[in-house]
Amino acid sequence: MMNKKQRGAEAERAVSFFLEEQGYRIIHRNYRCGQREVDIVAALDGLLVIVEVKRVDPQLSGVLPPVHPRQEERLRQAAEELLMQHPEFSEVRFDVALAQVLPDGSWHIRHLCDAFGTLH
């Protein structure tokens, strides 16, 4: 049986694969800067996209896990650092990907673009 960290890593891999299929280029996974961690940093059409991955509990499939205001602020701080490291981008979009493992072991991914604004 997988622990919480392993399940989270599996969800992030599934979301990364999903995003690549949609034309995104994955730049970083589990990007760390200080106390902040960004699950996935991707690029699409000249836009830097920060993706927060949330696992969805099959028993609570109608309930969307929240991104708390403190977490949003940490992601914005990380985005500012990423923009300095990647000057080829001038704008960041914040997305949320909901990942649910299905009974057959496959993943259902729901991608919410521009979940809480952009950063210029």
PDB file of N, CA and C in Angstrom:
ATOM      1  N   MET A   1       0.842  -1.183   0.000  1.00  0.00           N
ATOM      2  CA  MET A   1       0.000   0.000   0.000  1.00  0.00           C
ATOM      3  C   MET A   1       0.889   1.249   0.000  1.00  0.00           C
ATOM      4  N   MET A   2       0.537   2.214  -0.840  1.00  0.00           N
ATOM      5  CA  MET A   2       1.329   3.436  -0.947  1.00  0.00           C
ATOM      6  C   MET A   2       0.989   4.408   0.170  1.00  0.00           C
ATOM      7  N   ASN A   3       1.996   5.153   0.614  1.00  0.00           N
ATOM      8  CA  ASN A   3       1.745   6.195   1.596  1.00  0.00           C
ATOM      9  C   ASN A   3       1.293   7.474   0.881  1.00  0.00           C
ATOM     10  N   LYS A   4       0.964   8.494   1.645  1.00  0.00           N
ATOM     11  CA  LYS A   4       0.418   9.742   1.088  1.00  0.00           C
ATOM     12  C   LYS A   4       1.396  10.403   0.112  1.00  0.00           C
ATOM     13  N   LYS A   5       2.668  10.412   0.458  1.00  0.00           N
ATOM     14  CA  LYS A   5       3.677  11.034  -0.415  1.00  0.00           C
ATOM     15  C   LYS A   5       3.779  10.286  -1.743  1.00  0.00           C
ATOM     16  N   GLN A   6       3.764   8.960  -1.691  1.00  0.00           N
ATOM     17  CA  GLN A   6       3.844   8.165  -2.914  1.00  0.00           C
ATOM     18  C   GLN A   6       2.602   8.363  -3.788  1.00  0.00           C
ATOM     19  N   ARG A   7       1.420   8.427  -3.154  1.00  0.00           N
ATOM     20  CA  ARG A   7       0.185   8.667  -3.919  1.00  0.00           C
ATOM     21  C   ARG A   7       0.223  10.038  -4.578  1.00  0.00           C
ATOM     22  N   GLY A   8       0.759  11.034  -3.845  1.00  0.00           N
ATOM     23  CA  GLY A   8       0.887  12.370  -4.414  1.00  0.00           C
ATOM     24  C   GLY A   8       1.837  12.392  -5.599  1.00  0.00           C
ATOM     25  N   ALA A   9       2.948  11.672  -5.490  1.00  0.00           N
ATOM     26  CA  ALA A   9       3.913  11.603  -6.597  1.00  0.00           C
ATOM     27  C   ALA A   9       3.288  10.928  -7.818  1.00  0.00           C
ATOM     28  N   GLU A  10       2.495   9.876  -7.596  1.00  0.00           N
ATOM     29  CA  GLU A  10       1.806   9.210  -8.705  1.00  0.00           C
ATOM     30  C   GLU A  10       0.819  10.168  -9.377  1.00  0.00           C
ATOM     31  N   ALA A  11       0.089  10.935  -8.580  1.00  0.00           N
ATOM     32  CA  ALA A  11      -0.860  11.910  -9.139  1.00  0.00           C
ATOM     33  C   ALA A  11      -0.116  12.954  -9.958  1.00  0.00           C
ATOM     34  N   GLU A  12       1.008  13.441  -9.470  1.00  0.00           N
ATOM     35  CA  GLU A  12       1.789  14.443 -10.202  1.00  0.00           C
ATOM     36  C   GLU A  12       2.319  13.873 -11.513  1.00  0.00           C
ATOM     37  N   ARG A  13       2.746  12.616 -11.522  1.00  0.00           N
ATOM     38  CA  ARG A  13       3.197  11.988 -12.770  1.00  0.00           C
ATOM     39  C   ARG A  13       2.040  11.893 -13.765  1.00  0.00           C
ATOM     40  N   ALA A  14       0.868  11.493 -13.269  1.00  0.00           N
ATOM     41  CA  ALA A  14      -0.297  11.367 -14.149  1.00  0.00           C
ATOM     42  C   ALA A  14      -0.679  12.721 -14.738  1.00  0.00           C
ATOM     43  N   VAL A  15      -0.650  13.764 -13.915  1.00  0.00           N
ATOM     44  CA  VAL A  15      -0.996  15.104 -14.401  1.00  0.00           C
ATOM     45  C   VAL A  15       0.063  15.592 -15.396  1.00  0.00           C
ATOM     46  N   SER A  16       1.334  15.337 -15.120  1.00  0.00           N
ATOM     47  CA  SER A  16       2.403  15.734 -16.051  1.00  0.00           C
ATOM     48  C   SER A  16       2.185  15.095 -17.413  1.00  0.00           C
ATOM     49  N   PHE A  17       1.887  13.802 -17.423  1.00  0.00           N
ATOM     50  CA  PHE A  17       1.631  13.092 -18.671  1.00  0.00           C
ATOM     51  C   PHE A  17       0.424  13.698 -19.391  1.00  0.00           C
ATOM     52  N   PHE A  18      -0.647  13.970 -18.649  1.00  0.00           N
ATOM     53  CA  PHE A  18      -1.851  14.587 -19.213  1.00  0.00           C
ATOM     54  C   PHE A  18      -1.513  15.933 -19.857  1.00  0.00           C
ATOM     55  N   LEU A  19      -0.758  16.760 -19.141  1.00  0.00           N
ATOM     56  CA  LEU A  19      -0.405  18.081 -19.661  1.00  0.00           C
ATOM     57  C   LEU A  19       0.441  17.977 -20.930  1.00  0.00           C
ATOM     58  N   GLU A  20       1.399  17.059 -20.933  1.00  0.00           N
ATOM     59  CA  GLU A  20       2.225  16.872 -22.129  1.00  0.00           C
ATOM     60  C   GLU A  20       1.370  16.468 -23.319  1.00  0.00           C
ATOM     61  N   GLU A  21       0.374  15.629 -23.084  1.00  0.00           N
ATOM     62  CA  GLU A  21      -0.544  15.240 -24.162  1.00  0.00           C
ATOM     63  C   GLU A  21      -1.332  16.437 -24.694  1.00  0.00           C
ATOM     64  N   GLN A  22      -1.523  17.450 -23.838  1.00  0.00           N
ATOM     65  CA  GLN A  22      -2.262  18.658 -24.236  1.00  0.00           C
ATOM     66  C   GLN A  22      -1.346  19.708 -24.860  1.00  0.00           C
ATOM     67  N   GLY A  23      -0.060  19.403 -24.999  1.00  0.00           N
ATOM     68  CA  GLY A  23       0.874  20.326 -25.651  1.00  0.00           C
ATOM     69  C   GLY A  23       1.719  21.157 -24.704  1.00  0.00           C
ATOM     70  N   TYR A  24       1.615  20.936 -23.408  1.00  0.00           N
ATOM     71  CA  TYR A  24       2.439  21.656 -22.443  1.00  0.00           C
ATOM     72  C   TYR A  24       3.844  21.051 -22.427  1.00  0.00           C
ATOM     73  N   ARG A  25       4.827  21.881 -22.132  1.00  0.00           N
ATOM     74  CA  ARG A  25       6.199  21.410 -21.921  1.00  0.00           C
ATOM     75  C   ARG A  25       6.481  21.517 -20.432  1.00  0.00           C
ATOM     76  N   ILE A  26       6.817  20.400 -19.799  1.00  0.00           N
ATOM     77  CA  ILE A  26       7.092  20.386 -18.365  1.00  0.00           C
ATOM     78  C   ILE A  26       8.504  20.925 -18.151  1.00  0.00           C
ATOM     79  N   ILE A  27       8.616  21.961 -17.338  1.00  0.00           N
ATOM     80  CA  ILE A  27       9.911  22.584 -17.036  1.00  0.00           C
ATOM     81  C   ILE A  27      10.459  22.041 -15.718  1.00  0.00           C
ATOM     82  N   HIS A  28       9.614  21.959 -14.701  1.00  0.00           N
ATOM     83  CA  HIS A  28      10.013  21.453 -13.384  1.00  0.00           C
ATOM     84  C   HIS A  28       8.867  20.652 -12.792  1.00  0.00           C
ATOM     85  N   ARG A  29       9.245  19.646 -12.005  1.00  0.00           N
ATOM     86  CA  ARG A  29       8.286  18.977 -11.128  1.00  0.00           C
ATOM     87  C   ARG A  29       8.846  19.082  -9.724  1.00  0.00           C
ATOM     88  N   ASN A  30       7.971  19.366  -8.774  1.00  0.00           N
ATOM     89  CA  ASN A  30       8.371  19.521  -7.372  1.00  0.00           C
ATOM     90  C   ASN A  30       9.464  20.580  -7.217  1.00  0.00           C
ATOM     91  N   TYR A  31       9.240  21.717  -7.837  1.00  0.00           N
ATOM     92  CA  TYR A  31      10.186  22.835  -7.760  1.00  0.00           C
ATOM     93  C   TYR A  31      10.153  23.412  -6.346  1.00  0.00           C
ATOM     94  N   ARG A  32      11.311  23.550  -5.737  1.00  0.00           N
ATOM     95  CA  ARG A  32      11.411  24.085  -4.371  1.00  0.00           C
ATOM     96  C   ARG A  32      12.170  25.399  -4.362  1.00  0.00           C
ATOM     97  N   CYS A  33      11.626  26.321  -3.579  1.00  0.00           N
ATOM     98  CA  CYS A  33      12.346  27.559  -3.273  1.00  0.00           C
ATOM     99  C   CYS A  33      11.975  27.928  -1.837  1.00  0.00           C
ATOM    100  N   GLY A  34      12.934  27.752  -0.943  1.00  0.00           N
ATOM    101  CA  GLY A  34      12.659  27.982   0.475  1.00  0.00           C
ATOM    102  C   GLY A  34      11.607  27.011   0.969  1.00  0.00           C
ATOM    103  N   GLN A  35      10.599  27.538   1.648  1.00  0.00           N
ATOM    104  CA  GLN A  35       9.507  26.714   2.178  1.00  0.00           C
ATOM    105  C   GLN A  35       8.442  26.408   1.127  1.00  0.00           C
ATOM    106  N   ARG A  36       8.594  26.997  -0.036  1.00  0.00           N
ATOM    107  CA  ARG A  36       7.573  26.854  -1.071  1.00  0.00           C
ATOM    108  C   ARG A  36       7.903  25.690  -2.012  1.00  0.00           C
ATOM    109  N   GLU A  37       6.851  25.001  -2.422  1.00  0.00           N
ATOM    110  CA  GLU A  37       7.014  23.955  -3.431  1.00  0.00           C
ATOM    111  C   GLU A  37       5.913  24.119  -4.470  1.00  0.00           C
ATOM    112  N   VAL A  38       6.322  23.994  -5.728  1.00  0.00           N
ATOM    113  CA  VAL A  38       5.377  24.039  -6.837  1.00  0.00           C
ATOM    114  C   VAL A  38       5.336  22.633  -7.416  1.00  0.00           C
ATOM    115  N   ASP A  39       4.133  22.068  -7.519  1.00  0.00           N
ATOM    116  CA  ASP A  39       4.006  20.698  -8.003  1.00  0.00           C
ATOM    117  C   ASP A  39       4.532  20.563  -9.427  1.00  0.00           C
ATOM    118  N   ILE A  40       4.016  21.400 -10.334  1.00  0.00           N
ATOM    119  CA  ILE A  40       4.429  21.335 -11.737  1.00  0.00           C
ATOM    120  C   ILE A  40       4.578  22.750 -12.277  1.00  0.00           C
ATOM    121  N   VAL A  41       5.686  22.981 -12.976  1.00  0.00           N
ATOM    122  CA  VAL A  41       5.897  24.228 -13.716  1.00  0.00           C
ATOM    123  C   VAL A  41       5.972  23.817 -15.177  1.00  0.00           C
ATOM    124  N   ALA A  42       5.112  24.427 -15.989  1.00  0.00           N
ATOM    125  CA  ALA A  42       5.037  24.051 -17.398  1.00  0.00           C
ATOM    126  C   ALA A  42       5.017  25.311 -18.259  1.00  0.00           C
ATOM    127  N   ALA A  43       5.166  25.106 -19.550  1.00  0.00           N
ATOM    128  CA  ALA A  43       5.095  26.203 -20.507  1.00  0.00           C
ATOM    129  C   ALA A  43       4.103  25.825 -21.600  1.00  0.00           C
ATOM    130  N   LEU A  44       3.364  26.834 -22.050  1.00  0.00           N
ATOM    131  CA  LEU A  44       2.420  26.655 -23.148  1.00  0.00           C
ATOM    132  C   LEU A  44       2.285  27.978 -23.873  1.00  0.00           C
ATOM    133  N   ASP A  45       2.640  27.998 -25.153  1.00  0.00           N
ATOM    134  CA  ASP A  45       2.476  29.188 -25.988  1.00  0.00           C
ATOM    135  C   ASP A  45       3.078  30.437 -25.350  1.00  0.00           C
ATOM    136  N   GLY A  46       4.294  30.334 -24.836  1.00  0.00           N
ATOM    137  CA  GLY A  46       4.982  31.486 -24.266  1.00  0.00           C
ATOM    138  C   GLY A  46       4.514  31.885 -22.881  1.00  0.00           C
ATOM    139  N   LEU A  47       3.686  31.074 -22.273  1.00  0.00           N
ATOM    140  CA  LEU A  47       3.136  31.367 -20.953  1.00  0.00           C
ATOM    141  C   LEU A  47       3.715  30.369 -19.955  1.00  0.00           C
ATOM    142  N   LEU A  48       4.155  30.862 -18.791  1.00  0.00           N
ATOM    143  CA  LEU A  48       4.598  29.997 -17.710  1.00  0.00           C
ATOM    144  C   LEU A  48       3.361  29.598 -16.908  1.00  0.00           C
ATOM    145  N   VAL A  49       3.174  28.308 -16.692  1.00  0.00           N
ATOM    146  CA  VAL A  49       1.976  27.806 -16.024  1.00  0.00           C
ATOM    147  C   VAL A  49       2.391  27.043 -14.767  1.00  0.00           C
ATOM    148  N   ILE A  50       1.877  27.492 -13.629  1.00  0.00           N
ATOM    149  CA  ILE A  50       2.116  26.818 -12.365  1.00  0.00           C
ATOM    150  C   ILE A  50       0.877  25.980 -12.072  1.00  0.00           C
ATOM    151  N   VAL A  51       1.108  24.680 -11.858  1.00  0.00           N
ATOM    152  CA  VAL A  51      -0.008  23.754 -11.672  1.00  0.00           C
ATOM    153  C   VAL A  51       0.067  23.150 -10.272  1.00  0.00           C
ATOM    154  N   GLU A  52      -0.969  23.383  -9.507  1.00  0.00           N
ATOM    155  CA  GLU A  52      -1.123  22.751  -8.190  1.00  0.00           C
ATOM    156  C   GLU A  52      -1.935  21.483  -8.400  1.00  0.00           C
ATOM    157  N   VAL A  53      -1.386  20.349  -7.988  1.00  0.00           N
ATOM    158  CA  VAL A  53      -2.049  19.060  -8.163  1.00  0.00           C
ATOM    159  C   VAL A  53      -2.763  18.697  -6.866  1.00  0.00           C
ATOM    160  N   LYS A  54      -4.032  18.351  -6.990  1.00  0.00           N
ATOM    161  CA  LYS A  54      -4.837  17.924  -5.848  1.00  0.00           C
ATOM    162  C   LYS A  54      -5.391  16.541  -6.150  1.00  0.00           C
ATOM    163  N   ARG A  55      -5.167  15.614  -5.233  1.00  0.00           N
ATOM    164  CA  ARG A  55      -5.782  14.290  -5.363  1.00  0.00           C
ATOM    165  C   ARG A  55      -7.222  14.386  -4.901  1.00  0.00           C
ATOM    166  N   VAL A  56      -8.099  13.731  -5.624  1.00  0.00           N
ATOM    167  CA  VAL A  56      -9.517  13.713  -5.290  1.00  0.00           C
ATOM    168  C   VAL A  56      -9.842  12.346  -4.712  1.00  0.00           C
ATOM    169  N   ASP A  57     -10.424  12.355  -3.542  1.00  0.00           N
ATOM    170  CA  ASP A  57     -10.832  11.110  -2.882  1.00  0.00           C
ATOM    171  C   ASP A  57     -12.043  10.543  -3.619  1.00  0.00           C
ATOM    172  N   PRO A  58     -11.982   9.282  -4.046  1.00  0.00           N
ATOM    173  CA  PRO A  58     -13.121   8.697  -4.776  1.00  0.00           C
ATOM    174  C   PRO A  58     -14.433   8.755  -4.000  1.00  0.00           C
ATOM    175  N   GLN A  59     -14.380   8.689  -2.668  1.00  0.00           N
ATOM    176  CA  GLN A  59     -15.602   8.757  -1.862  1.00  0.00           C
ATOM    177  C   GLN A  59     -16.182  10.178  -1.848  1.00  0.00           C
ATOM    178  N   LEU A  60     -15.356  11.161  -2.143  1.00  0.00           N
ATOM    179  CA  LEU A  60     -15.804  12.562  -2.123  1.00  0.00           C
ATOM    180  C   LEU A  60     -15.642  13.182  -3.506  1.00  0.00           C
ATOM    181  N   SER A  61     -15.988  12.447  -4.543  1.00  0.00           N
ATOM    182  CA  SER A  61     -15.702  12.878  -5.909  1.00  0.00           C
ATOM    183  C   SER A  61     -16.351  14.209  -6.275  1.00  0.00           C
ATOM    184  N   GLY A  62     -17.410  14.606  -5.599  1.00  0.00           N
ATOM    185  CA  GLY A  62     -18.038  15.884  -5.911  1.00  0.00           C
ATOM    186  C   GLY A  62     -17.437  17.058  -5.158  1.00  0.00           C
ATOM    187  N   VAL A  63     -16.534  16.767  -4.226  1.00  0.00           N
ATOM    188  CA  VAL A  63     -15.945  17.813  -3.387  1.00  0.00           C
ATOM    189  C   VAL A  63     -14.592  18.203  -3.951  1.00  0.00           C
ATOM    190  N   LEU A  64     -14.422  19.487  -4.266  1.00  0.00           N
ATOM    191  CA  LEU A  64     -13.153  19.977  -4.786  1.00  0.00           C
ATOM    192  C   LEU A  64     -12.256  20.406  -3.640  1.00  0.00           C
ATOM    193  N   PRO A  65     -11.045  19.842  -3.562  1.00  0.00           N
ATOM    194  CA  PRO A  65     -10.138  20.255  -2.497  1.00  0.00           C
ATOM    195  C   PRO A  65      -9.714  21.701  -2.715  1.00  0.00           C
ATOM    196  N   PRO A  66      -9.686  22.497  -1.667  1.00  0.00           N
ATOM    197  CA  PRO A  66      -9.391  23.920  -1.841  1.00  0.00           C
ATOM    198  C   PRO A  66      -7.903  24.211  -1.967  1.00  0.00           C
ATOM    199  N   VAL A  67      -7.605  25.343  -2.590  1.00  0.00           N
ATOM    200  CA  VAL A  67      -6.274  25.931  -2.533  1.00  0.00           C
ATOM    201  C   VAL A  67      -6.435  27.101  -1.569  1.00  0.00           C
ATOM    202  N   HIS A  68      -5.824  26.981  -0.394  1.00  0.00           N
ATOM    203  CA  HIS A  68      -5.989  27.977   0.651  1.00  0.00           C
ATOM    204  C   HIS A  68      -5.269  29.272   0.293  1.00  0.00           C
ATOM    205  N   PRO A  69      -5.762  30.412   0.776  1.00  0.00           N
ATOM    206  CA  PRO A  69      -5.122  31.700   0.481  1.00  0.00           C
ATOM    207  C   PRO A  69      -3.624  31.722   0.814  1.00  0.00           C
ATOM    208  N   ARG A  70      -3.222  31.079   1.903  1.00  0.00           N
ATOM    209  CA  ARG A  70      -1.798  31.043   2.250  1.00  0.00           C
ATOM    210  C   ARG A  70      -1.008  30.280   1.183  1.00  0.00           C
ATOM    211  N   GLN A  71      -1.599  29.203   0.682  1.00  0.00           N
ATOM    212  CA  GLN A  71      -0.944  28.425  -0.369  1.00  0.00           C
ATOM    213  C   GLN A  71      -0.875  29.234  -1.666  1.00  0.00           C
ATOM    214  N   GLU A  72      -1.943  29.962  -1.980  1.00  0.00           N
ATOM    215  CA  GLU A  72      -1.921  30.837  -3.156  1.00  0.00           C
ATOM    216  C   GLU A  72      -0.784  31.839  -3.053  1.00  0.00           C
ATOM    217  N   GLU A  73      -0.609  32.432  -1.884  1.00  0.00           N
ATOM    218  CA  GLU A  73       0.459  33.416  -1.691  1.00  0.00           C
ATOM    219  C   GLU A  73       1.831  32.776  -1.880  1.00  0.00           C
ATOM    220  N   ARG A  74       2.026  31.584  -1.353  1.00  0.00           N
ATOM    221  CA  ARG A  74       3.305  30.879  -1.542  1.00  0.00           C
ATOM    222  C   ARG A  74       3.565  30.591  -3.020  1.00  0.00           C
ATOM    223  N   LEU A  75       2.524  30.194  -3.734  1.00  0.00           N
ATOM    224  CA  LEU A  75       2.676  29.922  -5.164  1.00  0.00           C
ATOM    225  C   LEU A  75       3.014  31.202  -5.924  1.00  0.00           C
ATOM    226  N   ARG A  76       2.408  32.309  -5.530  1.00  0.00           N
ATOM    227  CA  ARG A  76       2.726  33.599  -6.173  1.00  0.00           C
ATOM    228  C   ARG A  76       4.181  33.997  -5.904  1.00  0.00           C
ATOM    229  N   GLN A  77       4.652  33.773  -4.693  1.00  0.00           N
ATOM    230  CA  GLN A  77       6.045  34.071  -4.375  1.00  0.00           C
ATOM    231  C   GLN A  77       6.991  33.195  -5.193  1.00  0.00           C
ATOM    232  N   ALA A  78       6.669  31.933  -5.300  1.00  0.00           N
ATOM    233  CA  ALA A  78       7.487  31.030  -6.116  1.00  0.00           C
ATOM    234  C   ALA A  78       7.463  31.465  -7.576  1.00  0.00           C
ATOM    235  N   ALA A  79       6.303  31.927  -8.048  1.00  0.00           N
ATOM    236  CA  ALA A  79       6.182  32.384  -9.438  1.00  0.00           C
ATOM    237  C   ALA A  79       7.094  33.570  -9.709  1.00  0.00           C
ATOM    238  N   GLU A  80       7.191  34.486  -8.753  1.00  0.00           N
ATOM    239  CA  GLU A  80       8.083  35.632  -8.935  1.00  0.00           C
ATOM    240  C   GLU A  80       9.526  35.172  -9.091  1.00  0.00           C
ATOM    241  N   GLU A  81       9.933  34.192  -8.298  1.00  0.00           N
ATOM    242  CA  GLU A  81      11.288  33.648  -8.419  1.00  0.00           C
ATOM    243  C   GLU A  81      11.469  32.946  -9.771  1.00  0.00           C
ATOM    244  N   LEU A  82      10.467  32.188 -10.166  1.00  0.00           N
ATOM    245  CA  LEU A  82      10.551  31.489 -11.453  1.00  0.00           C
ATOM    246  C   LEU A  82      10.657  32.459 -12.622  1.00  0.00           C
ATOM    247  N   LEU A  83       9.938  33.569 -12.551  1.00  0.00           N
ATOM    248  CA  LEU A  83      10.027  34.574 -13.618  1.00  0.00           C
ATOM    249  C   LEU A  83      11.437  35.151 -13.703  1.00  0.00           C
ATOM    250  N   MET A  84      12.100  35.313 -12.565  1.00  0.00           N
ATOM    251  CA  MET A  84      13.477  35.822 -12.586  1.00  0.00           C
ATOM    252  C   MET A  84      14.416  34.774 -13.196  1.00  0.00           C
ATOM    253  N   GLN A  85      14.162  33.506 -12.945  1.00  0.00           N
ATOM    254  CA  GLN A  85      15.001  32.437 -13.479  1.00  0.00           C
ATOM    255  C   GLN A  85      14.725  32.146 -14.951  1.00  0.00           C
ATOM    256  N   HIS A  86      13.533  32.493 -15.396  1.00  0.00           N
ATOM    257  CA  HIS A  86      13.124  32.217 -16.778  1.00  0.00           C
ATOM    258  C   HIS A  86      12.648  33.528 -17.426  1.00  0.00           C
ATOM    259  N   PRO A  87      13.597  34.398 -17.781  1.00  0.00           N
ATOM    260  CA  PRO A  87      13.214  35.710 -18.332  1.00  0.00           C
ATOM    261  C   PRO A  87      12.502  35.628 -19.684  1.00  0.00           C
ATOM    262  N   GLU A  88      12.476  34.456 -20.291  1.00  0.00           N
ATOM    263  CA  GLU A  88      11.762  34.312 -21.563  1.00  0.00           C
ATOM    264  C   GLU A  88      10.250  34.392 -21.377  1.00  0.00           C
ATOM    265  N   PHE A  89       9.805  34.325 -20.124  1.00  0.00           N
ATOM    266  CA  PHE A  89       8.369  34.436 -19.827  1.00  0.00           C
ATOM    267  C   PHE A  89       8.090  35.771 -19.155  1.00  0.00           C
ATOM    268  N   SER A  90       6.963  36.358 -19.475  1.00  0.00           N
ATOM    269  CA  SER A  90       6.585  37.617 -18.832  1.00  0.00           C
ATOM    270  C   SER A  90       5.277  37.486 -18.042  1.00  0.00           C
ATOM    271  N   GLU A  91       4.626  36.341 -18.175  1.00  0.00           N
ATOM    272  CA  GLU A  91       3.336  36.156 -17.507  1.00  0.00           C
ATOM    273  C   GLU A  91       3.242  34.734 -16.964  1.00  0.00           C
ATOM    274  N   VAL A  92       2.602  34.602 -15.801  1.00  0.00           N
ATOM    275  CA  VAL A  92       2.387  33.301 -15.165  1.00  0.00           C
ATOM    276  C   VAL A  92       0.891  33.093 -14.974  1.00  0.00           C
ATOM    277  N   ARG A  93       0.440  31.900 -15.304  1.00  0.00           N
ATOM    278  CA  ARG A  93      -0.943  31.511 -15.036  1.00  0.00           C
ATOM    279  C   ARG A  93      -0.929  30.425 -13.971  1.00  0.00           C
ATOM    280  N   PHE A  94      -1.926  30.448 -13.100  1.00  0.00           N
ATOM    281  CA  PHE A  94      -2.028  29.471 -12.023  1.00  0.00           C
ATOM    282  C   PHE A  94      -3.199  28.530 -12.313  1.00  0.00           C
ATOM    283  N   ASP A  95      -2.890  27.249 -12.441  1.00  0.00           N
ATOM    284  CA  ASP A  95      -3.895  26.233 -12.722  1.00  0.00           C
ATOM    285  C   ASP A  95      -3.978  25.259 -11.552  1.00  0.00           C
ATOM    286  N   VAL A  96      -5.067  24.522 -11.502  1.00  0.00           N
ATOM    287  CA  VAL A  96      -5.222  23.426 -10.556  1.00  0.00           C
ATOM    288  C   VAL A  96      -5.602  22.191 -11.373  1.00  0.00           C
ATOM    289  N   ALA A  97      -4.963  21.071 -11.050  1.00  0.00           N
ATOM    290  CA  ALA A  97      -5.311  19.805 -11.687  1.00  0.00           C
ATOM    291  C   ALA A  97      -5.819  18.856 -10.608  1.00  0.00           C
ATOM    292  N   LEU A  98      -7.006  18.352 -10.814  1.00  0.00           N
ATOM    293  CA  LEU A  98      -7.605  17.399  -9.888  1.00  0.00           C
ATOM    294  C   LEU A  98      -7.374  15.999 -10.446  1.00  0.00           C
ATOM    295  N   ALA A  99      -6.754  15.154  -9.640  1.00  0.00           N
ATOM    296  CA  ALA A  99      -6.397  13.811 -10.093  1.00  0.00           C
ATOM    297  C   ALA A  99      -7.116  12.783  -9.236  1.00  0.00           C
ATOM    298  N   GLN A 100      -7.834  11.903  -9.905  1.00  0.00           N
ATOM    299  CA  GLN A 100      -8.568  10.855  -9.205  1.00  0.00           C
ATOM    300  C   GLN A 100      -8.203   9.511  -9.826  1.00  0.00           C
ATOM    301  N   VAL A 101      -7.748   8.591  -8.990  1.00  0.00           N
ATOM    302  CA  VAL A 101      -7.445   7.255  -9.476  1.00  0.00           C
ATOM    303  C   VAL A 101      -8.764   6.481  -9.562  1.00  0.00           C
ATOM    304  N   LEU A 102      -8.961   5.824 -10.685  1.00  0.00           N
ATOM    305  CA  LEU A 102     -10.187   5.074 -10.925  1.00  0.00           C
ATOM    306  C   LEU A 102     -10.012   3.622 -10.475  1.00  0.00           C
ATOM    307  N   PRO A 103     -11.104   2.891 -10.313  1.00  0.00           N
ATOM    308  CA  PRO A 103     -11.003   1.502  -9.837  1.00  0.00           C
ATOM    309  C   PRO A 103     -10.076   0.626 -10.682  1.00  0.00           C
ATOM    310  N   ASP A 104      -9.956   0.919 -11.979  1.00  0.00           N
ATOM    311  CA  ASP A 104      -9.083   0.107 -12.833  1.00  0.00           C
ATOM    312  C   ASP A 104      -7.616   0.536 -12.763  1.00  0.00           C
ATOM    313  N   GLY A 105      -7.323   1.549 -11.913  1.00  0.00           N
ATOM    314  CA  GLY A 105      -5.943   2.012 -11.750  1.00  0.00           C
ATOM    315  C   GLY A 105      -5.559   3.147 -12.669  1.00  0.00           C
ATOM    316  N   SER A 106      -6.416   3.495 -13.624  1.00  0.00           N
ATOM    317  CA  SER A 106      -6.130   4.634 -14.500  1.00  0.00           C
ATOM    318  C   SER A 106      -6.492   5.928 -13.756  1.00  0.00           C
ATOM    319  N   TRP A 107      -6.151   7.047 -14.356  1.00  0.00           N
ATOM    320  CA  TRP A 107      -6.379   8.342 -13.721  1.00  0.00           C
ATOM    321  C   TRP A 107      -7.402   9.149 -14.488  1.00  0.00           C
ATOM    322  N   HIS A 108      -8.256   9.832 -13.760  1.00  0.00           N
ATOM    323  CA  HIS A 108      -9.150  10.839 -14.332  1.00  0.00           C
ATOM    324  C   HIS A 108      -8.588  12.193 -13.901  1.00  0.00           C
ATOM    325  N   ILE A 109      -8.254  13.032 -14.875  1.00  0.00           N
ATOM    326  CA  ILE A 109      -7.662  14.346 -14.604  1.00  0.00           C
ATOM    327  C   ILE A 109      -8.657  15.425 -15.016  1.00  0.00           C
ATOM    328  N   ARG A 110      -8.879  16.351 -14.134  1.00  0.00           N
ATOM    329  CA  ARG A 110      -9.707  17.533 -14.426  1.00  0.00           C
ATOM    330  C   ARG A 110      -8.798  18.744 -14.281  1.00  0.00           C
ATOM    331  N   HIS A 111      -8.587  19.464 -15.370  1.00  0.00           N
ATOM    332  CA  HIS A 111      -7.646  20.585 -15.411  1.00  0.00           C
ATOM    333  C   HIS A 111      -8.418  21.902 -15.382  1.00  0.00           C
ATOM    334  N   LEU A 112      -8.190  22.699 -14.329  1.00  0.00           N
ATOM    335  CA  LEU A 112      -8.856  23.987 -14.177  1.00  0.00           C
ATOM    336  C   LEU A 112      -7.851  25.088 -14.504  1.00  0.00           C
ATOM    337  N   CYS A 113      -7.983  25.662 -15.678  1.00  0.00           N
ATOM    338  CA  CYS A 113      -7.068  26.730 -16.106  1.00  0.00           C
ATOM    339  C   CYS A 113      -7.417  28.037 -15.423  1.00  0.00           C
ATOM    340  N   ASP A 114      -6.387  28.819 -15.132  1.00  0.00           N
ATOM    341  CA  ASP A 114      -6.544  30.151 -14.545  1.00  0.00           C
ATOM    342  C   ASP A 114      -7.401  30.072 -13.274  1.00  0.00           C
ATOM    343  N   ALA A 115      -7.025  29.166 -12.384  1.00  0.00           N
ATOM    344  CA  ALA A 115      -7.801  28.892 -11.180  1.00  0.00           C
ATOM    345  C   ALA A 115      -7.827  30.056 -10.207  1.00  0.00           C
ATOM    346  N   PHE A 116      -6.738  30.816 -10.151  1.00  0.00           N
ATOM    347  CA  PHE A 116      -6.751  31.985  -9.267  1.00  0.00           C
ATOM    348  C   PHE A 116      -5.882  33.105  -9.819  1.00  0.00           C
ATOM    349  N   GLY A 117      -6.095  33.407 -11.091  1.00  0.00           N
ATOM    350  CA  GLY A 117      -5.493  34.597 -11.676  1.00  0.00           C
ATOM    351  C   GLY A 117      -4.145  34.378 -12.313  1.00  0.00           C
ATOM    352  N   THR A 118      -3.581  35.487 -12.783  1.00  0.00           N
ATOM    353  CA  THR A 118      -2.287  35.487 -13.432  1.00  0.00           C
ATOM    354  C   THR A 118      -1.373  36.467 -12.729  1.00  0.00           C
ATOM    355  N   LEU A 119      -0.106  36.378 -13.049  1.00  0.00           N
ATOM    356  CA  LEU A 119       0.899  37.287 -12.502  1.00  0.00           C
ATOM    357  C   LEU A 119       1.685  37.824 -13.680  1.00  0.00           C
ATOM    358  N   HIS A 120       1.825  39.128 -13.754  1.00  0.00           N
ATOM    359  CA  HIS A 120       2.574  39.762 -14.849  1.00  0.00           C
ATOM    360  C   HIS A 120       3.916  40.235 -14.343  1.00  0.00           C
TER     361      HIS A 120
END
